[in-house]
Amino acid sequence: MIRRSVLLGTGSALPARSVSNAEMAERVDTSDEWIRERTGITNRYIAGEGETTATLGTAAARAALDAAGLDATQIDLIILATATPDQTFPASATKVQAALGINDCVSFDVAAVCSGFLYALSVADSMIRSGAANKALVIGSETFSRILDWEDRTTCVLFGDGAGAVVLGAEESADGARGILATKLHADGRHNELLYVDGGPSTTGTVGKLRMKGQEVFRHAVTNLAAVLREVLEIAGESADHIDWVVPHQANARILDATARKLGLAPEKVIVTVDQHANTSAASVPLAFDLAVRDGRIKPGDLVVMEAMGGGFTWGACLIRL
């Protein structure tokens, strides 16, 4: 028998406030046309008072649990991917745990920026496969608006806030045809200066602001994402022809297009939500995944690949059969 992590439910949550490009243009020196042409973004959501990484993560988790038909007390593992935790410590995952009314389960955060959800998914999968967990909540949640430099029009227009979550459960079968088939992760810390936050507890004692060299990040993203997608397919013994859907990190419409072309994938197989949500970092993959499950595009039996790249650089991919 093969023990695998299978998808039981998905969920997402967005802040109440929606901010259009036109509204952004009232705040910084930019325009709807400038943002659309360079990124494909038309809208984003910005967290307001009382909305935090943990509260958004909790709302997404509740939606995923409802979709899975599970009570929160059945969860024995919570991994929350974020670069914008509520506090330096404790982990925001423990705040989600408490909010869900779970008295005791393994709960911790993962920090891999935009790749965080893929990192968290891989860790949860490993723990489920090993028997260390049976049912897991994997969450990507961010409030990136709180680390943006609102005087820098080249970065502040790109990001938004939100959360996405999935529930994974252990399943044993003879063929192991369903569930997470393969994951592959990478990191290369030599590129720190291309995408980073200029602060931290042990350096400046401040939260800091996001800094990015967009053109360099774009070049690395297209190359790395195409390569890791090929790797994860090879690990699982699958080909790109068999992929039903690609759920990519929603950073920039041009990156999504360029990556699909590099792999020879039809554009209609790529789930795109960057226009609606902008770049929500670790939340972007589960947000897009949940949207496509709920609108009926992603269905049971589909072969789906998820991929992301973020600051560090970190990048990774996951292949799952629903």
C-alpha atoms as a PDB file:
ATOM      1  CA  MET A   1       0.000   0.000   0.000  1.00  0.00           C
ATOM      2  CA  ILE A   2       1.148   3.534  -0.805  1.00  0.00           C
ATOM      3  CA  ARG A   3       0.488   6.312   1.735  1.00  0.00           C
ATOM      4  CA  ARG A   4      -0.020   9.697   0.118  1.00  0.00           C
ATOM      5  CA  SER A   5      -1.282  13.172   0.978  1.00  0.00           C
ATOM      6  CA  VAL A   6      -4.615  13.781  -0.737  1.00  0.00           C
ATOM      7  CA  LEU A   7      -6.469  17.060  -1.102  1.00  0.00           C
ATOM      8  CA  LEU A   8      -9.618  17.206   1.018  1.00  0.00           C
ATOM      9  CA  GLY A   9     -10.629  20.862   0.716  1.00  0.00           C
ATOM     10  CA  THR A  10      -9.574  24.377  -0.264  1.00  0.00           C
ATOM     11  CA  GLY A  11     -10.399  27.855   0.999  1.00  0.00           C
ATOM     12  CA  SER A  12      -9.368  31.488   0.703  1.00  0.00           C
ATOM     13  CA  ALA A  13      -9.984  34.885   2.265  1.00  0.00           C
ATOM     14  CA  LEU A  14      -9.488  38.479   1.163  1.00  0.00           C
ATOM     15  CA  PRO A  15      -9.551  41.778   3.054  1.00  0.00           C
ATOM     16  CA  ALA A  16     -12.725  43.830   2.829  1.00  0.00           C
ATOM     17  CA  ARG A  17     -11.092  46.697   0.939  1.00  0.00           C
ATOM     18  CA  SER A  18     -10.614  46.368  -2.815  1.00  0.00           C
ATOM     19  CA  VAL A  19      -8.222  48.872  -4.417  1.00  0.00           C
ATOM     20  CA  SER A  20      -8.303  49.500  -8.173  1.00  0.00           C
ATOM     21  CA  ASN A  21      -5.479  50.837 -10.320  1.00  0.00           C
ATOM     22  CA  ALA A  22      -7.366  54.116 -10.563  1.00  0.00           C
ATOM     23  CA  GLU A  23      -7.308  54.457  -6.782  1.00  0.00           C
ATOM     24  CA  MET A  24      -3.605  53.604  -6.736  1.00  0.00           C
ATOM     25  CA  ALA A  25      -3.009  56.382  -9.263  1.00  0.00           C
ATOM     26  CA  GLU A  26      -4.520  58.841  -6.794  1.00  0.00           C
ATOM     27  CA  ARG A  27      -1.936  57.800  -4.201  1.00  0.00           C
ATOM     28  CA  VAL A  28       1.282  57.425  -6.229  1.00  0.00           C
ATOM     29  CA  ASP A  29       2.621  58.675  -9.574  1.00  0.00           C
ATOM     30  CA  THR A  30       1.253  55.935 -11.813  1.00  0.00           C
ATOM     31  CA  SER A  31      -1.698  55.109 -14.072  1.00  0.00           C
ATOM     32  CA  ASP A  32      -4.027  52.225 -14.809  1.00  0.00           C
ATOM     33  CA  GLU A  33      -2.435  51.850 -18.254  1.00  0.00           C
ATOM     34  CA  TRP A  34       1.123  51.781 -16.857  1.00  0.00           C
ATOM     35  CA  ILE A  35       0.258  49.052 -14.329  1.00  0.00           C
ATOM     36  CA  ARG A  36      -1.790  46.928 -16.750  1.00  0.00           C
ATOM     37  CA  GLU A  37       0.817  46.965 -19.530  1.00  0.00           C
ATOM     38  CA  ARG A  38       3.696  45.959 -17.270  1.00  0.00           C
ATOM     39  CA  THR A  39       1.992  43.527 -14.890  1.00  0.00           C
ATOM     40  CA  GLY A  40      -1.536  42.617 -15.977  1.00  0.00           C
ATOM     41  CA  ILE A  41      -2.817  43.789 -12.571  1.00  0.00           C
ATOM     42  CA  THR A  42      -6.113  45.702 -12.380  1.00  0.00           C
ATOM     43  CA  ASN A  43      -6.993  45.291  -8.711  1.00  0.00           C
ATOM     44  CA  ARG A  44      -5.692  44.236  -5.300  1.00  0.00           C
ATOM     45  CA  TYR A  45      -7.007  43.920  -1.725  1.00  0.00           C
ATOM     46  CA  ILE A  46      -5.481  45.839   1.173  1.00  0.00           C
ATOM     47  CA  ALA A  47      -5.868  44.772   4.805  1.00  0.00           C
ATOM     48  CA  GLY A  48      -7.562  47.233   7.111  1.00  0.00           C
ATOM     49  CA  GLU A  49      -7.761  47.675  10.869  1.00  0.00           C
ATOM     50  CA  GLY A  50      -8.219  44.334  12.603  1.00  0.00           C
ATOM     51  CA  GLU A  51      -7.244  42.345   9.510  1.00  0.00           C
ATOM     52  CA  THR A  52      -3.922  40.550   9.955  1.00  0.00           C
ATOM     53  CA  THR A  53      -2.024  37.610   8.514  1.00  0.00           C
ATOM     54  CA  ALA A  54      -3.463  35.391  11.258  1.00  0.00           C
ATOM     55  CA  THR A  55      -7.082  36.557  10.890  1.00  0.00           C
ATOM     56  CA  LEU A  56      -6.991  36.132   7.106  1.00  0.00           C
ATOM     57  CA  GLY A  57      -5.293  32.744   7.512  1.00  0.00           C
ATOM     58  CA  THR A  58      -7.951  31.667   9.992  1.00  0.00           C
ATOM     59  CA  ALA A  59     -10.776  32.645   7.620  1.00  0.00           C
ATOM     60  CA  ALA A  60      -9.151  30.729   4.743  1.00  0.00           C
ATOM     61  CA  ALA A  61      -8.601  27.722   7.012  1.00  0.00           C
ATOM     62  CA  ARG A  62     -12.259  27.692   8.090  1.00  0.00           C
ATOM     63  CA  ALA A  63     -13.367  27.778   4.437  1.00  0.00           C
ATOM     64  CA  ALA A  64     -11.043  24.857   3.617  1.00  0.00           C
ATOM     65  CA  LEU A  65     -12.292  22.846   6.601  1.00  0.00           C
ATOM     66  CA  ASP A  66     -15.896  23.465   5.536  1.00  0.00           C
ATOM     67  CA  ALA A  67     -15.072  22.284   2.008  1.00  0.00           C
ATOM     68  CA  ALA A  68     -13.431  19.159   3.446  1.00  0.00           C
ATOM     69  CA  GLY A  69     -16.364  18.483   5.779  1.00  0.00           C
ATOM     70  CA  LEU A  70     -14.026  18.329   8.776  1.00  0.00           C
ATOM     71  CA  ASP A  71     -14.085  19.718  12.278  1.00  0.00           C
ATOM     72  CA  ALA A  72     -11.011  21.734  13.249  1.00  0.00           C
ATOM     73  CA  THR A  73     -10.267  19.323  16.106  1.00  0.00           C
ATOM     74  CA  GLN A  74      -9.471  16.619  13.545  1.00  0.00           C
ATOM     75  CA  ILE A  75      -6.406  18.601  12.378  1.00  0.00           C
ATOM     76  CA  ASP A  76      -3.079  17.524  13.879  1.00  0.00           C
ATOM     77  CA  LEU A  77      -0.741  19.788  11.857  1.00  0.00           C
ATOM     78  CA  ILE A  78      -0.886  23.454  10.853  1.00  0.00           C
ATOM     79  CA  ILE A  79       1.824  25.017   8.694  1.00  0.00           C
ATOM     80  CA  LEU A  80       1.433  28.682   7.794  1.00  0.00           C
ATOM     81  CA  ALA A  81       3.621  30.182   5.076  1.00  0.00           C
ATOM     82  CA  THR A  82       4.207  33.909   5.436  1.00  0.00           C
ATOM     83  CA  ALA A  83       6.777  36.688   5.192  1.00  0.00           C
ATOM     84  CA  THR A  84       4.533  39.050   7.165  1.00  0.00           C
ATOM     85  CA  PRO A  85       3.719  37.361  10.497  1.00  0.00           C
ATOM     86  CA  ASP A  86       1.576  39.077  13.111  1.00  0.00           C
ATOM     87  CA  GLN A  87       4.523  39.081  15.512  1.00  0.00           C
ATOM     88  CA  THR A  88       8.207  38.177  15.375  1.00  0.00           C
ATOM     89  CA  PHE A  89       7.142  35.334  17.646  1.00  0.00           C
ATOM     90  CA  PRO A  90       5.155  33.274  18.403  1.00  0.00           C
ATOM     91  CA  ALA A  91       4.311  31.782  15.026  1.00  0.00           C
ATOM     92  CA  SER A  92       1.145  33.072  13.402  1.00  0.00           C
ATOM     93  CA  ALA A  93       0.182  29.408  12.917  1.00  0.00           C
ATOM     94  CA  THR A  94      -0.351  29.141  16.669  1.00  0.00           C
ATOM     95  CA  LYS A  95      -2.740  32.117  16.542  1.00  0.00           C
ATOM     96  CA  VAL A  96      -4.709  30.317  13.818  1.00  0.00           C
ATOM     97  CA  GLN A  97      -4.681  27.163  15.944  1.00  0.00           C
ATOM     98  CA  ALA A  98      -6.104  29.022  18.944  1.00  0.00           C
ATOM     99  CA  ALA A  99      -8.718  30.816  16.837  1.00  0.00           C
ATOM    100  CA  LEU A 100      -9.904  27.475  15.446  1.00  0.00           C
ATOM    101  CA  GLY A 101     -10.299  26.088  18.976  1.00  0.00           C
ATOM    102  CA  ILE A 102      -7.611  23.413  18.629  1.00  0.00           C
ATOM    103  CA  ASN A 103      -5.953  22.831  21.998  1.00  0.00           C
ATOM    104  CA  ASP A 104      -2.970  20.844  20.764  1.00  0.00           C
ATOM    105  CA  CYS A 105      -1.538  20.200  17.338  1.00  0.00           C
ATOM    106  CA  VAL A 106       1.839  20.799  15.718  1.00  0.00           C
ATOM    107  CA  SER A 107       1.797  24.420  14.492  1.00  0.00           C
ATOM    108  CA  PHE A 108       4.573  26.506  12.968  1.00  0.00           C
ATOM    109  CA  ASP A 109       5.364  29.103  10.305  1.00  0.00           C
ATOM    110  CA  VAL A 110       7.490  28.707   7.182  1.00  0.00           C
ATOM    111  CA  ALA A 111       9.337  31.704   5.725  1.00  0.00           C
ATOM    112  CA  ALA A 112      10.180  31.318   2.042  1.00  0.00           C
ATOM    113  CA  VAL A 113       8.371  34.425   0.747  1.00  0.00           C
ATOM    114  CA  CYS A 114       6.454  33.783  -2.501  1.00  0.00           C
ATOM    115  CA  SER A 115       7.555  30.118  -2.509  1.00  0.00           C
ATOM    116  CA  GLY A 116       6.393  29.676   1.066  1.00  0.00           C
ATOM    117  CA  PHE A 117       3.217  27.771   0.275  1.00  0.00           C
ATOM    118  CA  LEU A 118       5.137  25.244  -1.848  1.00  0.00           C
ATOM    119  CA  TYR A 119       7.693  24.823   0.943  1.00  0.00           C
ATOM    120  CA  ALA A 120       4.919  24.376   3.519  1.00  0.00           C
ATOM    121  CA  LEU A 121       3.068  21.906   1.275  1.00  0.00           C
ATOM    122  CA  SER A 122       6.233  19.842   0.831  1.00  0.00           C
ATOM    123  CA  VAL A 123       6.876  19.704   4.590  1.00  0.00           C
ATOM    124  CA  ALA A 124       3.262  18.721   5.316  1.00  0.00           C
ATOM    125  CA  ASP A 125       3.410  16.033   2.621  1.00  0.00           C
ATOM    126  CA  SER A 126       6.608  14.599   4.118  1.00  0.00           C
ATOM    127  CA  MET A 127       5.078  14.503   7.608  1.00  0.00           C
ATOM    128  CA  ILE A 128       1.908  12.829   6.358  1.00  0.00           C
ATOM    129  CA  ARG A 129       3.828  10.258   4.316  1.00  0.00           C
ATOM    130  CA  SER A 130       5.997   9.431   7.343  1.00  0.00           C
ATOM    131  CA  GLY A 131       2.993   9.022   9.636  1.00  0.00           C
ATOM    132  CA  ALA A 132       3.882  12.057  11.787  1.00  0.00           C
ATOM    133  CA  ALA A 133       0.552  13.659  10.802  1.00  0.00           C
ATOM    134  CA  ASN A 134      -2.780  12.480   9.437  1.00  0.00           C
ATOM    135  CA  LYS A 135      -4.694  15.660   8.613  1.00  0.00           C
ATOM    136  CA  ALA A 136      -2.988  18.972   7.928  1.00  0.00           C
ATOM    137  CA  LEU A 137      -3.927  22.571   7.279  1.00  0.00           C
ATOM    138  CA  VAL A 138      -1.467  24.253   4.929  1.00  0.00           C
ATOM    139  CA  ILE A 139      -1.972  28.004   4.704  1.00  0.00           C
ATOM    140  CA  GLY A 140      -0.394  30.851   2.761  1.00  0.00           C
ATOM    141  CA  SER A 141      -1.290  34.221   4.265  1.00  0.00           C
ATOM    142  CA  GLU A 142       0.188  37.689   3.778  1.00  0.00           C
ATOM    143  CA  THR A 143      -0.334  41.354   4.596  1.00  0.00           C
ATOM    144  CA  PHE A 144       2.348  42.652   2.255  1.00  0.00           C
ATOM    145  CA  SER A 145       0.801  46.118   2.232  1.00  0.00           C
ATOM    146  CA  ARG A 146       2.440  46.657   5.630  1.00  0.00           C
ATOM    147  CA  ILE A 147       5.985  46.279   4.315  1.00  0.00           C
ATOM    148  CA  LEU A 148       5.576  48.291   1.106  1.00  0.00           C
ATOM    149  CA  ASP A 149       7.242  51.624   0.423  1.00  0.00           C
ATOM    150  CA  TRP A 150       4.250  53.645  -0.752  1.00  0.00           C
ATOM    151  CA  GLU A 151       6.607  56.217  -2.291  1.00  0.00           C
ATOM    152  CA  ASP A 152       8.047  53.601  -4.673  1.00  0.00           C
ATOM    153  CA  ARG A 153       5.611  53.202  -7.559  1.00  0.00           C
ATOM    154  CA  THR A 154       7.644  50.372  -9.100  1.00  0.00           C
ATOM    155  CA  THR A 155       6.873  48.047  -6.167  1.00  0.00           C
ATOM    156  CA  CYS A 156       3.818  49.274  -4.243  1.00  0.00           C
ATOM    157  CA  VAL A 157       1.469  48.719  -7.198  1.00  0.00           C
ATOM    158  CA  LEU A 158       2.482  45.070  -7.520  1.00  0.00           C
ATOM    159  CA  PHE A 159       1.341  43.581  -4.222  1.00  0.00           C
ATOM    160  CA  GLY A 160      -1.822  42.829  -2.300  1.00  0.00           C
ATOM    161  CA  ASP A 161      -3.028  41.000   0.804  1.00  0.00           C
ATOM    162  CA  GLY A 162      -4.912  37.731   1.191  1.00  0.00           C
ATOM    163  CA  ALA A 163      -4.832  34.109   2.298  1.00  0.00           C
ATOM    164  CA  GLY A 164      -5.396  30.665   0.854  1.00  0.00           C
ATOM    165  CA  ALA A 165      -5.500  27.250   2.503  1.00  0.00           C
ATOM    166  CA  VAL A 166      -5.771  23.551   1.745  1.00  0.00           C
ATOM    167  CA  VAL A 167      -6.606  20.565   3.919  1.00  0.00           C
ATOM    168  CA  LEU A 168      -4.521  17.465   3.307  1.00  0.00           C
ATOM    169  CA  GLY A 169      -5.295  13.986   4.598  1.00  0.00           C
ATOM    170  CA  ALA A 170      -3.494  10.647   4.571  1.00  0.00           C
ATOM    171  CA  GLU A 171      -4.803   8.017   2.177  1.00  0.00           C
ATOM    172  CA  GLU A 172      -3.468   4.536   1.540  1.00  0.00           C
ATOM    173  CA  SER A 173      -4.103   2.763  -1.740  1.00  0.00           C
ATOM    174  CA  ALA A 174      -2.531   0.058  -3.840  1.00  0.00           C
ATOM    175  CA  ASP A 175      -1.650   2.310  -6.766  1.00  0.00           C
ATOM    176  CA  GLY A 176      -1.270   5.703  -5.055  1.00  0.00           C
ATOM    177  CA  ALA A 177      -2.767   7.343  -8.123  1.00  0.00           C
ATOM    178  CA  ARG A 178      -4.336  10.195  -6.157  1.00  0.00           C
ATOM    179  CA  GLY A 179      -2.692  12.913  -4.067  1.00  0.00           C
ATOM    180  CA  ILE A 180       0.654  14.699  -4.091  1.00  0.00           C
ATOM    181  CA  LEU A 181       2.830  12.825  -6.591  1.00  0.00           C
ATOM    182  CA  ALA A 182       6.043  14.863  -6.295  1.00  0.00           C
ATOM    183  CA  THR A 183       7.525  18.072  -4.928  1.00  0.00           C
ATOM    184  CA  LYS A 184      10.804  19.809  -5.700  1.00  0.00           C
ATOM    185  CA  LEU A 185      12.317  22.777  -3.855  1.00  0.00           C
ATOM    186  CA  HIS A 186      15.337  25.025  -4.469  1.00  0.00           C
ATOM    187  CA  ALA A 187      17.083  28.029  -2.920  1.00  0.00           C
ATOM    188  CA  ASP A 188      20.018  30.209  -3.957  1.00  0.00           C
ATOM    189  CA  GLY A 189      20.954  32.830  -1.364  1.00  0.00           C
ATOM    190  CA  ARG A 190      23.432  34.616  -3.625  1.00  0.00           C
ATOM    191  CA  HIS A 191      20.628  36.783  -5.014  1.00  0.00           C
ATOM    192  CA  ASN A 192      19.520  38.421  -1.775  1.00  0.00           C
ATOM    193  CA  GLU A 193      19.982  41.950  -3.110  1.00  0.00           C
ATOM    194  CA  LEU A 194      17.510  41.442  -5.961  1.00  0.00           C
ATOM    195  CA  LEU A 195      14.408  40.979  -3.787  1.00  0.00           C
ATOM    196  CA  TYR A 196      14.492  41.631  -0.049  1.00  0.00           C
ATOM    197  CA  VAL A 197      13.225  43.677   2.894  1.00  0.00           C
ATOM    198  CA  ASP A 198      15.704  46.229   4.239  1.00  0.00           C
ATOM    199  CA  GLY A 199      15.076  45.515   7.906  1.00  0.00           C
ATOM    200  CA  GLY A 200      14.797  42.822  10.546  1.00  0.00           C
ATOM    201  CA  PRO A 201      15.043  42.186  14.314  1.00  0.00           C
ATOM    202  CA  SER A 202      18.753  41.270  14.341  1.00  0.00           C
ATOM    203  CA  THR A 203      19.957  43.906  11.855  1.00  0.00           C
ATOM    204  CA  THR A 204      18.014  47.150  12.082  1.00  0.00           C
ATOM    205  CA  GLY A 205      15.515  46.347  14.811  1.00  0.00           C
ATOM    206  CA  THR A 206      12.773  47.490  12.431  1.00  0.00           C
ATOM    207  CA  VAL A 207      10.332  45.753  10.105  1.00  0.00           C
ATOM    208  CA  GLY A 208      11.801  47.394   6.993  1.00  0.00           C
ATOM    209  CA  LYS A 209      10.399  47.864   3.498  1.00  0.00           C
ATOM    210  CA  LEU A 210      10.366  45.699   0.384  1.00  0.00           C
ATOM    211  CA  ARG A 211      13.072  46.385  -2.242  1.00  0.00           C
ATOM    212  CA  MET A 212      13.233  44.761  -5.674  1.00  0.00           C
ATOM    213  CA  LYS A 213      15.169  44.888  -8.930  1.00  0.00           C
ATOM    214  CA  GLY A 214      12.304  43.867 -11.173  1.00  0.00           C
ATOM    215  CA  GLN A 215      14.080  43.084 -14.439  1.00  0.00           C
ATOM    216  CA  GLU A 216      16.601  40.772 -12.782  1.00  0.00           C
ATOM    217  CA  VAL A 217      13.877  38.982 -10.831  1.00  0.00           C
ATOM    218  CA  PHE A 218      11.885  38.521 -14.064  1.00  0.00           C
ATOM    219  CA  ARG A 219      14.843  36.899 -15.823  1.00  0.00           C
ATOM    220  CA  HIS A 220      15.542  34.446 -13.003  1.00  0.00           C
ATOM    221  CA  ALA A 221      11.845  33.652 -12.532  1.00  0.00           C
ATOM    222  CA  VAL A 222      11.223  32.515 -16.103  1.00  0.00           C
ATOM    223  CA  THR A 223      14.323  30.313 -16.165  1.00  0.00           C
ATOM    224  CA  ASN A 224      13.905  28.792 -12.696  1.00  0.00           C
ATOM    225  CA  LEU A 225      10.182  28.137 -12.919  1.00  0.00           C
ATOM    226  CA  ALA A 226      10.396  26.390 -16.278  1.00  0.00           C
ATOM    227  CA  ALA A 227      13.254  24.230 -14.969  1.00  0.00           C
ATOM    228  CA  VAL A 228      11.525  23.196 -11.713  1.00  0.00           C
ATOM    229  CA  LEU A 229       8.324  22.306 -13.556  1.00  0.00           C
ATOM    230  CA  ARG A 230      10.307  19.947 -15.761  1.00  0.00           C
ATOM    231  CA  GLU A 231      12.006  18.488 -12.672  1.00  0.00           C
ATOM    232  CA  VAL A 232       8.801  17.725 -10.810  1.00  0.00           C
ATOM    233  CA  LEU A 233       7.283  16.096 -13.902  1.00  0.00           C
ATOM    234  CA  GLU A 234      10.388  13.931 -14.309  1.00  0.00           C
ATOM    235  CA  ILE A 235      10.260  12.841 -10.651  1.00  0.00           C
ATOM    236  CA  ALA A 236       6.640  11.731 -11.089  1.00  0.00           C
ATOM    237  CA  GLY A 237       7.243  10.141 -14.490  1.00  0.00           C
ATOM    238  CA  GLU A 238       4.756  12.465 -16.176  1.00  0.00           C
ATOM    239  CA  SER A 239       4.959  14.681 -19.244  1.00  0.00           C
ATOM    240  CA  ALA A 240       3.801  18.238 -19.824  1.00  0.00           C
ATOM    241  CA  ASP A 241       1.197  16.883 -22.252  1.00  0.00           C
ATOM    242  CA  HIS A 242      -0.599  15.232 -19.330  1.00  0.00           C
ATOM    243  CA  ILE A 243      -0.982  18.427 -17.279  1.00  0.00           C
ATOM    244  CA  ASP A 244      -4.564  19.627 -16.987  1.00  0.00           C
ATOM    245  CA  TRP A 245      -3.799  22.847 -15.100  1.00  0.00           C
ATOM    246  CA  VAL A 246      -0.858  24.971 -14.009  1.00  0.00           C
ATOM    247  CA  VAL A 247      -1.404  27.084 -10.881  1.00  0.00           C
ATOM    248  CA  PRO A 248       1.539  29.497 -10.812  1.00  0.00           C
ATOM    249  CA  HIS A 249       2.606  32.139  -8.343  1.00  0.00           C
ATOM    250  CA  GLN A 250       0.714  35.240  -9.416  1.00  0.00           C
ATOM    251  CA  ALA A 251       3.563  37.739  -9.655  1.00  0.00           C
ATOM    252  CA  ASN A 252       3.253  39.237 -13.104  1.00  0.00           C
ATOM    253  CA  ALA A 253       1.220  38.310 -16.179  1.00  0.00           C
ATOM    254  CA  ARG A 254       4.319  38.541 -18.384  1.00  0.00           C
ATOM    255  CA  ILE A 255       6.157  35.979 -16.225  1.00  0.00           C
ATOM    256  CA  LEU A 256       3.180  33.615 -16.471  1.00  0.00           C
ATOM    257  CA  ASP A 257       3.056  33.980 -20.264  1.00  0.00           C
ATOM    258  CA  ALA A 258       6.806  33.574 -20.716  1.00  0.00           C
ATOM    259  CA  THR A 259       6.954  30.464 -18.499  1.00  0.00           C
ATOM    260  CA  ALA A 260       4.041  28.821 -20.350  1.00  0.00           C
ATOM    261  CA  ARG A 261       5.714  29.508 -23.715  1.00  0.00           C
ATOM    262  CA  LYS A 262       9.016  28.086 -22.499  1.00  0.00           C
ATOM    263  CA  LEU A 263       7.282  24.834 -21.559  1.00  0.00           C
ATOM    264  CA  GLY A 264       5.045  24.731 -24.617  1.00  0.00           C
ATOM    265  CA  LEU A 265       1.901  24.885 -22.470  1.00  0.00           C
ATOM    266  CA  ALA A 266      -1.360  26.248 -23.835  1.00  0.00           C
ATOM    267  CA  PRO A 267      -2.234  29.567 -22.156  1.00  0.00           C
ATOM    268  CA  GLU A 268      -5.741  28.309 -21.406  1.00  0.00           C
ATOM    269  CA  LYS A 269      -4.245  25.701 -19.055  1.00  0.00           C
ATOM    270  CA  VAL A 270      -2.741  28.391 -16.805  1.00  0.00           C
ATOM    271  CA  ILE A 271      -4.841  29.688 -13.904  1.00  0.00           C
ATOM    272  CA  VAL A 272      -4.459  33.479 -13.794  1.00  0.00           C
ATOM    273  CA  THR A 273      -5.708  35.646 -10.921  1.00  0.00           C
ATOM    274  CA  VAL A 274      -2.951  38.272 -10.793  1.00  0.00           C
ATOM    275  CA  ASP A 275      -5.350  40.730 -12.426  1.00  0.00           C
ATOM    276  CA  GLN A 276      -7.767  40.417  -9.488  1.00  0.00           C
ATOM    277  CA  HIS A 277      -5.444  40.010  -6.506  1.00  0.00           C
ATOM    278  CA  ALA A 278      -1.994  41.290  -7.605  1.00  0.00           C
ATOM    279  CA  ASN A 279       0.984  39.525  -6.007  1.00  0.00           C
ATOM    280  CA  THR A 280      -0.042  38.127  -2.621  1.00  0.00           C
ATOM    281  CA  SER A 281       3.286  36.329  -2.075  1.00  0.00           C
ATOM    282  CA  ALA A 282       2.807  33.016  -0.192  1.00  0.00           C
ATOM    283  CA  ALA A 283      -0.984  33.362  -0.516  1.00  0.00           C
ATOM    284  CA  SER A 284      -1.073  33.626  -4.303  1.00  0.00           C
ATOM    285  CA  VAL A 285      -0.891  29.926  -5.242  1.00  0.00           C
ATOM    286  CA  PRO A 286      -3.540  28.690  -2.761  1.00  0.00           C
ATOM    287  CA  LEU A 287      -5.765  31.699  -3.558  1.00  0.00           C
ATOM    288  CA  ALA A 288      -5.663  30.917  -7.278  1.00  0.00           C
ATOM    289  CA  PHE A 289      -6.058  27.194  -6.619  1.00  0.00           C
ATOM    290  CA  ASP A 290      -9.157  27.720  -4.470  1.00  0.00           C
ATOM    291  CA  LEU A 291     -10.738  30.044  -7.040  1.00  0.00           C
ATOM    292  CA  ALA A 292     -10.270  27.496  -9.834  1.00  0.00           C
ATOM    293  CA  VAL A 293     -11.612  24.620  -7.707  1.00  0.00           C
ATOM    294  CA  ARG A 294     -14.697  26.598  -6.706  1.00  0.00           C
ATOM    295  CA  ASP A 295     -15.512  27.821 -10.221  1.00  0.00           C
ATOM    296  CA  GLY A 296     -15.320  24.246 -11.517  1.00  0.00           C
ATOM    297  CA  ARG A 297     -12.248  24.457 -13.707  1.00  0.00           C
ATOM    298  CA  ILE A 298     -10.142  22.158 -11.525  1.00  0.00           C
ATOM    299  CA  LYS A 299     -12.004  18.882 -11.017  1.00  0.00           C
ATOM    300  CA  PRO A 300     -11.414  15.500  -9.345  1.00  0.00           C
ATOM    301  CA  GLY A 301      -8.987  13.446 -11.402  1.00  0.00           C
ATOM    302  CA  ASP A 302      -7.171  16.453 -12.854  1.00  0.00           C
ATOM    303  CA  LEU A 303      -3.371  16.572 -12.874  1.00  0.00           C
ATOM    304  CA  VAL A 304      -2.292  19.942 -11.490  1.00  0.00           C
ATOM    305  CA  VAL A 305       1.138  21.478 -11.117  1.00  0.00           C
ATOM    306  CA  MET A 306       1.754  24.386  -8.745  1.00  0.00           C
ATOM    307  CA  GLU A 307       4.905  26.504  -8.877  1.00  0.00           C
ATOM    308  CA  ALA A 308       6.391  29.646  -7.340  1.00  0.00           C
ATOM    309  CA  MET A 309       9.563  31.679  -6.960  1.00  0.00           C
ATOM    310  CA  GLY A 310      10.301  34.303  -4.330  1.00  0.00           C
ATOM    311  CA  GLY A 311      12.963  36.288  -2.520  1.00  0.00           C
ATOM    312  CA  GLY A 312      16.010  34.417  -1.413  1.00  0.00           C
ATOM    313  CA  PHE A 313      15.843  33.217  -4.155  1.00  0.00           C
ATOM    314  CA  THR A 314      13.593  30.286  -3.300  1.00  0.00           C
ATOM    315  CA  TRP A 315      11.535  28.345  -5.812  1.00  0.00           C
ATOM    316  CA  GLY A 316       9.661  25.097  -6.101  1.00  0.00           C
ATOM    317  CA  ALA A 317       6.875  23.042  -7.650  1.00  0.00           C
ATOM    318  CA  CYS A 318       4.345  20.409  -6.665  1.00  0.00           C
ATOM    319  CA  LEU A 319       2.486  17.899  -8.824  1.00  0.00           C
ATOM    320  CA  ILE A 320      -0.858  16.665  -7.500  1.00  0.00           C
ATOM    321  CA  ARG A 321      -3.614  14.425  -8.816  1.00  0.00           C
ATOM    322  CA  LEU A 322      -6.981  15.442  -7.410  1.00  0.00           C
END
